[in-house]
PDB file of N, CA and C in Angstrom:
ATOM      1  N   UNK A   1     151.782-119.710 -48.991  1.00  0.00           N
ATOM      2  CA  UNK A   1     152.086-120.535 -47.839  1.00  0.00           C
ATOM      3  C   UNK A   1     153.505-121.061 -48.001  1.00  0.00           C
ATOM      4  N   UNK A   2     154.228-121.086 -46.928  1.00  0.00           N
ATOM      5  CA  UNK A   2     155.610-121.562 -46.973  1.00  0.00           C
ATOM      6  C   UNK A   2     155.644-123.084 -47.065  1.00  0.00           C
ATOM      7  N   UNK A   3     156.799-123.587 -47.380  1.00  0.00           N
ATOM      8  CA  UNK A   3     156.980-125.035 -47.485  1.00  0.00           C
ATOM      9  C   UNK A   3     156.755-125.685 -46.123  1.00  0.00           C
ATOM     10  N   UNK A   4     157.229-125.043 -45.062  1.00  0.00           N
ATOM     11  CA  UNK A   4     157.057-125.598 -43.715  1.00  0.00           C
ATOM     12  C   UNK A   4     155.575-125.651 -43.335  1.00  0.00           C
ATOM     13  N   UNK A   5     154.826-124.604 -43.696  1.00  0.00           N
ATOM     14  CA  UNK A   5     153.395-124.590 -43.401  1.00  0.00           C
ATOM     15  C   UNK A   5     152.651-125.651 -44.176  1.00  0.00           C
ATOM     16  N   UNK A   6     153.030-125.825 -45.434  1.00  0.00           N
ATOM     17  CA  UNK A   6     152.406-126.851 -46.268  1.00  0.00           C
ATOM     18  C   UNK A   6     152.708-128.240 -45.720  1.00  0.00           C
ATOM     19  N   UNK A   7     153.941-128.433 -45.274  1.00  0.00           N
ATOM     20  CA  UNK A   7     154.352-129.711 -44.696  1.00  0.00           C
ATOM     21  C   UNK A   7     153.549-130.005 -43.428  1.00  0.00           C
ATOM     22  N   UNK A   8     153.341-128.985 -42.604  1.00  0.00           N
ATOM     23  CA  UNK A   8     152.589-129.143 -41.358  1.00  0.00           C
ATOM     24  C   UNK A   8     151.136-129.521 -41.655  1.00  0.00           C
ATOM     25  N   UNK A   9     150.523-128.843 -42.625  1.00  0.00           N
ATOM     26  CA  UNK A   9     149.139-129.147 -42.988  1.00  0.00           C
ATOM     27  C   UNK A   9     149.020-130.566 -43.540  1.00  0.00           C
ATOM     28  N   UNK A  10     149.993-130.977 -44.338  1.00  0.00           N
ATOM     29  CA  UNK A  10     149.984-132.331 -44.886  1.00  0.00           C
ATOM     30  C   UNK A  10     150.095-133.355 -43.764  1.00  0.00           C
ATOM     31  N   UNK A  11     150.954-133.091 -42.776  1.00  0.00           N
ATOM     32  CA  UNK A  11     151.126-134.004 -41.647  1.00  0.00           C
ATOM     33  C   UNK A  11     149.824-134.109 -40.841  1.00  0.00           C
ATOM     34  N   UNK A  12     149.152-132.979 -40.633  1.00  0.00           N
ATOM     35  CA  UNK A  12     147.875-133.001 -39.903  1.00  0.00           C
ATOM     36  C   UNK A  12     146.847-133.843 -40.643  1.00  0.00           C
ATOM     37  N   UNK A  13     146.768-133.658 -41.961  1.00  0.00           N
ATOM     38  CA  UNK A  13     145.795-134.407 -42.759  1.00  0.00           C
ATOM     39  C   UNK A  13     146.113-135.895 -42.749  1.00  0.00           C
ATOM     40  N   UNK A  14     147.388-136.243 -42.877  1.00  0.00           N
ATOM     41  CA  UNK A  14     147.749-137.664 -42.878  1.00  0.00           C
ATOM     42  C   UNK A  14     147.512-138.289 -41.505  1.00  0.00           C
ATOM     43  N   UNK A  15     147.735-137.546 -40.428  1.00  0.00           N
ATOM     44  CA  UNK A  15     147.484-138.060 -39.081  1.00  0.00           C
ATOM     45  C   UNK A  15     145.987-138.298 -38.884  1.00  0.00           C
ATOM     46  N   UNK A  16     145.160-137.362 -39.325  1.00  0.00           N
ATOM     47  CA  UNK A  16     143.713-137.522 -39.203  1.00  0.00           C
ATOM     48  C   UNK A  16     143.238-138.724 -40.006  1.00  0.00           C
ATOM     49  N   UNK A  17     143.763-138.881 -41.214  1.00  0.00           N
ATOM     50  CA  UNK A  17     143.381-140.007 -42.059  1.00  0.00           C
ATOM     51  C   UNK A  17     143.777-141.325 -41.414  1.00  0.00           C
ATOM     52  N   UNK A  18     144.980-141.406 -40.874  1.00  0.00           N
ATOM     53  CA  UNK A  18     145.419-142.656 -40.238  1.00  0.00           C
ATOM     54  C   UNK A  18     144.603-142.944 -38.979  1.00  0.00           C
ATOM     55  N   UNK A  19     144.196-141.915 -38.238  1.00  0.00           N
ATOM     56  CA  UNK A  19     143.347-142.120 -37.061  1.00  0.00           C
ATOM     57  C   UNK A  19     141.983-142.644 -37.472  1.00  0.00           C
ATOM     58  N   UNK A  20     141.438-142.118 -38.561  1.00  0.00           N
ATOM     59  CA  UNK A  20     140.120-142.561 -39.023  1.00  0.00           C
ATOM     60  C   UNK A  20     140.180-144.003 -39.519  1.00  0.00           C
ATOM     61  N   UNK A  21     141.228-144.346 -40.253  1.00  0.00           N
ATOM     62  CA  UNK A  21     141.342-145.691 -40.819  1.00  0.00           C
ATOM     63  C   UNK A  21     141.581-146.723 -39.728  1.00  0.00           C
ATOM     64  N   UNK A  22     142.489-146.445 -38.826  1.00  0.00           N
ATOM     65  CA  UNK A  22     142.842-147.429 -37.800  1.00  0.00           C
ATOM     66  C   UNK A  22     141.876-147.420 -36.623  1.00  0.00           C
ATOM     67  N   UNK A  23     140.989-146.440 -36.578  1.00  0.00           N
ATOM     68  CA  UNK A  23     140.052-146.363 -35.465  1.00  0.00           C
ATOM     69  C   UNK A  23     140.705-145.838 -34.204  1.00  0.00           C
ATOM     70  N   UNK A  24     141.897-145.301 -34.329  1.00  0.00           N
ATOM     71  CA  UNK A  24     142.601-144.756 -33.166  1.00  0.00           C
ATOM     72  C   UNK A  24     141.891-143.498 -32.680  1.00  0.00           C
ATOM     73  N   UNK A  25     141.972-143.292 -31.403  1.00  0.00           N
ATOM     74  CA  UNK A  25     141.343-142.120 -30.814  1.00  0.00           C
ATOM     75  C   UNK A  25     142.299-140.938 -30.925  1.00  0.00           C
ATOM     76  N   UNK A  26     141.754-139.784 -31.287  1.00  0.00           N
ATOM     77  CA  UNK A  26     142.573-138.582 -31.415  1.00  0.00           C
ATOM     78  C   UNK A  26     143.085-138.115 -30.067  1.00  0.00           C
ATOM     79  N   UNK A  27     143.996-137.195 -30.093  1.00  0.00           N
ATOM     80  CA  UNK A  27     144.571-136.656 -28.867  1.00  0.00           C
ATOM     81  C   UNK A  27     143.493-135.923 -28.071  1.00  0.00           C
ATOM     82  N   UNK A  28     143.374-136.292 -26.811  1.00  0.00           N
ATOM     83  CA  UNK A  28     142.397-135.634 -25.942  1.00  0.00           C
ATOM     84  C   UNK A  28     142.953-134.289 -25.491  1.00  0.00           C
ATOM     85  N   UNK A  29     142.080-133.297 -25.462  1.00  0.00           N
ATOM     86  CA  UNK A  29     142.491-131.971 -25.017  1.00  0.00           C
ATOM     87  C   UNK A  29     142.246-131.836 -23.519  1.00  0.00           C
ATOM     88  N   UNK A  30     143.126-131.144 -22.866  1.00  0.00           N
ATOM     89  CA  UNK A  30     143.052-130.912 -21.433  1.00  0.00           C
ATOM     90  C   UNK A  30     141.848-130.011 -21.123  1.00  0.00           C
ATOM     91  N   UNK A  31     141.223-130.216 -19.974  1.00  0.00           N
ATOM     92  CA  UNK A  31     140.067-129.403 -19.578  1.00  0.00           C
ATOM     93  C   UNK A  31     140.433-127.927 -19.451  1.00  0.00           C
ATOM     94  N   UNK A  32     141.623-127.648 -18.932  1.00  0.00           N
ATOM     95  CA  UNK A  32     142.068-126.250 -18.813  1.00  0.00           C
ATOM     96  C   UNK A  32     142.181-125.599 -20.183  1.00  0.00           C
ATOM     97  N   UNK A  33     142.694-126.366 -21.148  1.00  0.00           N
ATOM     98  CA  UNK A  33     142.820-125.847 -22.507  1.00  0.00           C
ATOM     99  C   UNK A  33     141.444-125.553 -23.093  1.00  0.00           C
ATOM    100  N   UNK A  34     140.501-126.464 -22.897  1.00  0.00           N
ATOM    101  CA  UNK A  34     139.150-126.255 -23.422  1.00  0.00           C
ATOM    102  C   UNK A  34     138.489-125.036 -22.784  1.00  0.00           C
ATOM    103  N   UNK A  35     138.724-124.838 -21.485  1.00  0.00           N
ATOM    104  CA  UNK A  35     138.170-123.677 -20.786  1.00  0.00           C
ATOM    105  C   UNK A  35     138.796-122.383 -21.303  1.00  0.00           C
ATOM    106  N   UNK A  36     140.113-122.389 -21.517  1.00  0.00           N
ATOM    107  CA  UNK A  36     140.778-121.200 -22.071  1.00  0.00           C
ATOM    108  C   UNK A  36     140.271-120.908 -23.480  1.00  0.00           C
ATOM    109  N   UNK A  37     140.071-121.957 -24.262  1.00  0.00           N
ATOM    110  CA  UNK A  37     139.568-121.784 -25.624  1.00  0.00           C
ATOM    111  C   UNK A  37     138.172-121.152 -25.604  1.00  0.00           C
ATOM    112  N   UNK A  38     137.327-121.604 -24.683  1.00  0.00           N
ATOM    113  CA  UNK A  38     135.985-121.046 -24.558  1.00  0.00           C
ATOM    114  C   UNK A  38     136.048-119.575 -24.148  1.00  0.00           C
ATOM    115  N   UNK A  39     136.924-119.255 -23.195  1.00  0.00           N
ATOM    116  CA  UNK A  39     137.064-117.866 -22.744  1.00  0.00           C
ATOM    117  C   UNK A  39     137.563-116.965 -23.870  1.00  0.00           C
ATOM    118  N   UNK A  40     138.478-117.474 -24.666  1.00  0.00           N
ATOM    119  CA  UNK A  40     138.996-116.694 -25.791  1.00  0.00           C
ATOM    120  C   UNK A  40     137.894-116.434 -26.809  1.00  0.00           C
ATOM    121  N   UNK A  41     137.061-117.430 -27.065  1.00  0.00           N
ATOM    122  CA  UNK A  41     135.955-117.243 -28.007  1.00  0.00           C
ATOM    123  C   UNK A  41     134.967-116.196 -27.493  1.00  0.00           C
ATOM    124  N   UNK A  42     134.657-116.240 -26.202  1.00  0.00           N
ATOM    125  CA  UNK A  42     133.747-115.258 -25.610  1.00  0.00           C
ATOM    126  C   UNK A  42     134.360-113.861 -25.672  1.00  0.00           C
ATOM    127  N   UNK A  43     135.649-113.760 -25.357  1.00  0.00           N
ATOM    128  CA  UNK A  43     136.334-112.466 -25.418  1.00  0.00           C
ATOM    129  C   UNK A  43     136.362-111.933 -26.840  1.00  0.00           C
ATOM    130  N   UNK A  44     136.645-112.808 -27.791  1.00  0.00           N
ATOM    131  CA  UNK A  44     136.682-112.407 -29.196  1.00  0.00           C
ATOM    132  C   UNK A  44     135.318-111.888 -29.642  1.00  0.00           C
ATOM    133  N   UNK A  45     134.251-112.570 -29.251  1.00  0.00           N
ATOM    134  CA  UNK A  45     132.902-112.134 -29.616  1.00  0.00           C
ATOM    135  C   UNK A  45     132.590-110.784 -28.967  1.00  0.00           C
ATOM    136  N   UNK A  46     132.976-110.618 -27.703  1.00  0.00           N
ATOM    137  CA  UNK A  46     132.723-109.354 -27.005  1.00  0.00           C
ATOM    138  C   UNK A  46     133.470-108.195 -27.660  1.00  0.00           C
ATOM    139  N   UNK A  47     134.721-108.421 -28.029  1.00  0.00           N
ATOM    140  CA  UNK A  47     135.506-107.373 -28.686  1.00  0.00           C
ATOM    141  C   UNK A  47     134.893-107.025 -30.037  1.00  0.00           C
ATOM    142  N   UNK A  48     134.469-108.039 -30.785  1.00  0.00           N
ATOM    143  CA  UNK A  48     133.850-107.799 -32.090  1.00  0.00           C
ATOM    144  C   UNK A  48     132.561-106.993 -31.929  1.00  0.00           C
ATOM    145  N   UNK A  49     131.723-107.361 -30.959  1.00  0.00           N
ATOM    146  CA  UNK A  49     130.481-106.618 -30.712  1.00  0.00           C
ATOM    147  C   UNK A  49     130.774-105.184 -30.292  1.00  0.00           C
ATOM    148  N   UNK A  50     131.742-105.009 -29.411  1.00  0.00           N
ATOM    149  CA  UNK A  50     132.116-103.671 -28.952  1.00  0.00           C
ATOM    150  C   UNK A  50     132.631-102.820 -30.107  1.00  0.00           C
ATOM    151  N   UNK A  51     133.430-103.409 -30.966  1.00  0.00           N
ATOM    152  CA  UNK A  51     133.972-102.683 -32.117  1.00  0.00           C
ATOM    153  C   UNK A  51     132.860-102.250 -33.065  1.00  0.00           C
ATOM    154  N   UNK A  52     131.910-103.144 -33.331  1.00  0.00           N
ATOM    155  CA  UNK A  52     130.821-102.783 -34.241  1.00  0.00           C
ATOM    156  C   UNK A  52     129.921-101.712 -33.625  1.00  0.00           C
ATOM    157  N   UNK A  53     129.666-101.796 -32.317  1.00  0.00           N
ATOM    158  CA  UNK A  53     128.836-100.781 -31.668  1.00  0.00           C
ATOM    159  C   UNK A  53     129.560 -99.443 -31.580  1.00  0.00           C
ATOM    160  N   UNK A  54     130.883 -99.476 -31.387  1.00  0.00           N
ATOM    161  CA  UNK A  54     131.665 -98.240 -31.350  1.00  0.00           C
ATOM    162  C   UNK A  54     131.642 -97.558 -32.704  1.00  0.00           C
ATOM    163  N   UNK A  55     131.804 -98.331 -33.760  1.00  0.00           N
ATOM    164  CA  UNK A  55     131.754 -97.778 -35.113  1.00  0.00           C
ATOM    165  C   UNK A  55     130.383 -97.176 -35.382  1.00  0.00           C
ATOM    166  N   UNK A  56     129.340 -97.881 -34.958  1.00  0.00           N
ATOM    167  CA  UNK A  56     127.974 -97.377 -35.135  1.00  0.00           C
ATOM    168  C   UNK A  56     127.774 -96.076 -34.362  1.00  0.00           C
ATOM    169  N   UNK A  57     128.322 -96.001 -33.164  1.00  0.00           N
ATOM    170  CA  UNK A  57     128.177 -94.812 -32.322  1.00  0.00           C
ATOM    171  C   UNK A  57     128.925 -93.618 -32.909  1.00  0.00           C
ATOM    172  N   UNK A  58     130.092 -93.872 -33.486  1.00  0.00           N
ATOM    173  CA  UNK A  58     130.921 -92.785 -33.987  1.00  0.00           C
ATOM    174  C   UNK A  58     130.497 -92.276 -35.361  1.00  0.00           C
ATOM    175  N   UNK A  59     129.640 -93.010 -36.058  1.00  0.00           N
ATOM    176  CA  UNK A  59     129.177 -92.552 -37.368  1.00  0.00           C
ATOM    177  C   UNK A  59     128.293 -91.326 -37.165  1.00  0.00           C
ATOM    178  N   UNK A  60     128.493 -90.291 -37.976  1.00  0.00           N
ATOM    179  CA  UNK A  60     127.666 -89.091 -37.811  1.00  0.00           C
ATOM    180  C   UNK A  60     126.220 -89.368 -38.217  1.00  0.00           C
ATOM    181  N   UNK A  61     125.297 -88.810 -37.456  1.00  0.00           N
ATOM    182  CA  UNK A  61     123.875 -88.959 -37.732  1.00  0.00           C
ATOM    183  C   UNK A  61     123.429 -87.732 -38.525  1.00  0.00           C
ATOM    184  N   UNK A  62     123.063 -87.886 -39.808  1.00  0.00           N
ATOM    185  CA  UNK A  62     122.720 -86.724 -40.624  1.00  0.00           C
ATOM    186  C   UNK A  62     121.493 -85.973 -40.098  1.00  0.00           C
ATOM    187  N   UNK A  63     120.531 -86.688 -39.544  1.00  0.00           N
ATOM    188  CA  UNK A  63     119.329 -86.037 -39.017  1.00  0.00           C
ATOM    189  C   UNK A  63     119.682 -85.143 -37.828  1.00  0.00           C
ATOM    190  N   UNK A  64     120.530 -85.639 -36.953  1.00  0.00           N
ATOM    191  CA  UNK A  64     120.946 -84.861 -35.794  1.00  0.00           C
ATOM    192  C   UNK A  64     121.754 -83.633 -36.219  1.00  0.00           C
ATOM    193  N   UNK A  65     122.624 -83.792 -37.209  1.00  0.00           N
ATOM    194  CA  UNK A  65     123.417 -82.661 -37.700  1.00  0.00           C
ATOM    195  C   UNK A  65     122.513 -81.596 -38.314  1.00  0.00           C
ATOM    196  N   UNK A  66     121.501 -82.026 -39.054  1.00  0.00           N
ATOM    197  CA  UNK A  66     120.568 -81.076 -39.674  1.00  0.00           C
ATOM    198  C   UNK A  66     119.787 -80.313 -38.604  1.00  0.00           C
ATOM    199  N   UNK A  67     119.301 -81.033 -37.601  1.00  0.00           N
ATOM    200  CA  UNK A  67     118.545 -80.401 -36.522  1.00  0.00           C
ATOM    201  C   UNK A  67     119.421 -79.405 -35.755  1.00  0.00           C
ATOM    202  N   UNK A  68     120.672 -79.786 -35.511  1.00  0.00           N
ATOM    203  CA  UNK A  68     121.596 -78.911 -34.800  1.00  0.00           C
ATOM    204  C   UNK A  68     121.864 -77.637 -35.595  1.00  0.00           C
ATOM    205  N   UNK A  69     122.063 -77.775 -36.902  1.00  0.00           N
ATOM    206  CA  UNK A  69     122.310 -76.607 -37.749  1.00  0.00           C
ATOM    207  C   UNK A  69     121.075 -75.706 -37.788  1.00  0.00           C
ATOM    208  N   UNK A  70     119.892 -76.304 -37.864  1.00  0.00           N
ATOM    209  CA  UNK A  70     118.655 -75.527 -37.876  1.00  0.00           C
ATOM    210  C   UNK A  70     118.522 -74.727 -36.577  1.00  0.00           C
ATOM    211  N   UNK A  71     118.784 -75.371 -35.442  1.00  0.00           N
ATOM    212  CA  UNK A  71     118.708 -74.678 -34.148  1.00  0.00           C
ATOM    213  C   UNK A  71     119.737 -73.553 -34.059  1.00  0.00           C
ATOM    214  N   UNK A  72     120.933 -73.791 -34.572  1.00  0.00           N
ATOM    215  CA  UNK A  72     121.972 -72.772 -34.562  1.00  0.00           C
ATOM    216  C   UNK A  72     121.531 -71.553 -35.377  1.00  0.00           C
ATOM    217  N   UNK A  73     121.009 -71.805 -36.577  1.00  0.00           N
ATOM    218  CA  UNK A  73     120.569 -70.696 -37.433  1.00  0.00           C
ATOM    219  C   UNK A  73     119.392 -69.950 -36.809  1.00  0.00           C
ATOM    220  N   UNK A  74     118.470 -70.696 -36.218  1.00  0.00           N
ATOM    221  CA  UNK A  74     117.305 -70.078 -35.582  1.00  0.00           C
ATOM    222  C   UNK A  74     117.745 -69.183 -34.424  1.00  0.00           C
ATOM    223  N   UNK A  75     118.667 -69.663 -33.607  1.00  0.00           N
ATOM    224  CA  UNK A  75     119.173 -68.859 -32.488  1.00  0.00           C
ATOM    225  C   UNK A  75     119.951 -67.649 -32.983  1.00  0.00           C
ATOM    226  N   UNK A  76     120.682 -67.803 -34.081  1.00  0.00           N
ATOM    227  CA  UNK A  76     121.441 -66.695 -34.654  1.00  0.00           C
ATOM    228  C   UNK A  76     120.492 -65.600 -35.137  1.00  0.00           C
ATOM    229  N   UNK A  77     119.383 -65.983 -35.772  1.00  0.00           N
ATOM    230  CA  UNK A  77     118.393 -65.008 -36.245  1.00  0.00           C
ATOM    231  C   UNK A  77     117.768 -64.290 -35.059  1.00  0.00           C
ATOM    232  N   UNK A  78     117.431 -65.030 -34.014  1.00  0.00           N
ATOM    233  CA  UNK A  78     116.841 -64.412 -32.821  1.00  0.00           C
ATOM    234  C   UNK A  78     117.820 -63.430 -32.178  1.00  0.00           C
ATOM    235  N   UNK A  79     119.080 -63.814 -32.104  1.00  0.00           N
ATOM    236  CA  UNK A  79     120.096 -62.967 -31.503  1.00  0.00           C
ATOM    237  C   UNK A  79     120.260 -61.679 -32.315  1.00  0.00           C
ATOM    238  N   UNK A  80     120.257 -61.795 -33.631  1.00  0.00           N
ATOM    239  CA  UNK A  80     120.412 -60.616 -34.482  1.00  0.00           C
ATOM    240  C   UNK A  80     119.206 -59.693 -34.358  1.00  0.00           C
ATOM    241  N   UNK A  81     118.005 -60.263 -34.305  1.00  0.00           N
ATOM    242  CA  UNK A  81     116.815 -59.416 -34.169  1.00  0.00           C
ATOM    243  C   UNK A  81     116.786 -58.750 -32.793  1.00  0.00           C
ATOM    244  N   UNK A  82     117.250 -59.432 -31.763  1.00  0.00           N
ATOM    245  CA  UNK A  82     117.293 -58.857 -30.426  1.00  0.00           C
ATOM    246  C   UNK A  82     118.289 -57.702 -30.393  1.00  0.00           C
ATOM    247  N   UNK A  83     119.446 -57.887 -31.035  1.00  0.00           N
ATOM    248  CA  UNK A  83     120.459 -56.827 -31.080  1.00  0.00           C
ATOM    249  C   UNK A  83     119.952 -55.621 -31.869  1.00  0.00           C
ATOM    250  N   UNK A  84     119.217 -55.836 -32.945  1.00  0.00           N
ATOM    251  CA  UNK A  84     118.713 -54.711 -33.742  1.00  0.00           C
ATOM    252  C   UNK A  84     117.608 -53.962 -32.989  1.00  0.00           C
ATOM    253  N   UNK A  85     116.841 -54.650 -32.146  1.00  0.00           N
ATOM    254  CA  UNK A  85     115.792 -53.998 -31.353  1.00  0.00           C
ATOM    255  C   UNK A  85     116.395 -53.190 -30.205  1.00  0.00           C
ATOM    256  N   UNK A  86     117.555 -53.556 -29.768  1.00  0.00           N
ATOM    257  CA  UNK A  86     118.224 -52.881 -28.665  1.00  0.00           C
ATOM    258  C   UNK A  86     118.765 -51.517 -29.062  1.00  0.00           C
ATOM    259  N   UNK A  87     119.095 -51.340 -30.312  1.00  0.00           N
ATOM    260  CA  UNK A  87     119.725 -50.092 -30.773  1.00  0.00           C
ATOM    261  C   UNK A  87     118.798 -48.946 -30.787  1.00  0.00           C
TER     262      UNK A  87
END
């Protein structure tokens, strides 16, 4: 952490402490800000859910791959036997 960041964190902590000791009320947040904050949280959750579901969707399914390979081999055998019967 940089010196400026450490200084900022120290200032926040000292401001909170002085508010608690003196009984002063903290800075009130604007309703628009609170609404934007809520929307950002919902968007963040939606993106996280979408990312996890996309990763789950893109992972190969070994059972499906095995079944597909079995069907391919079975069709290949049928095709070869059909070609040999044609001759």
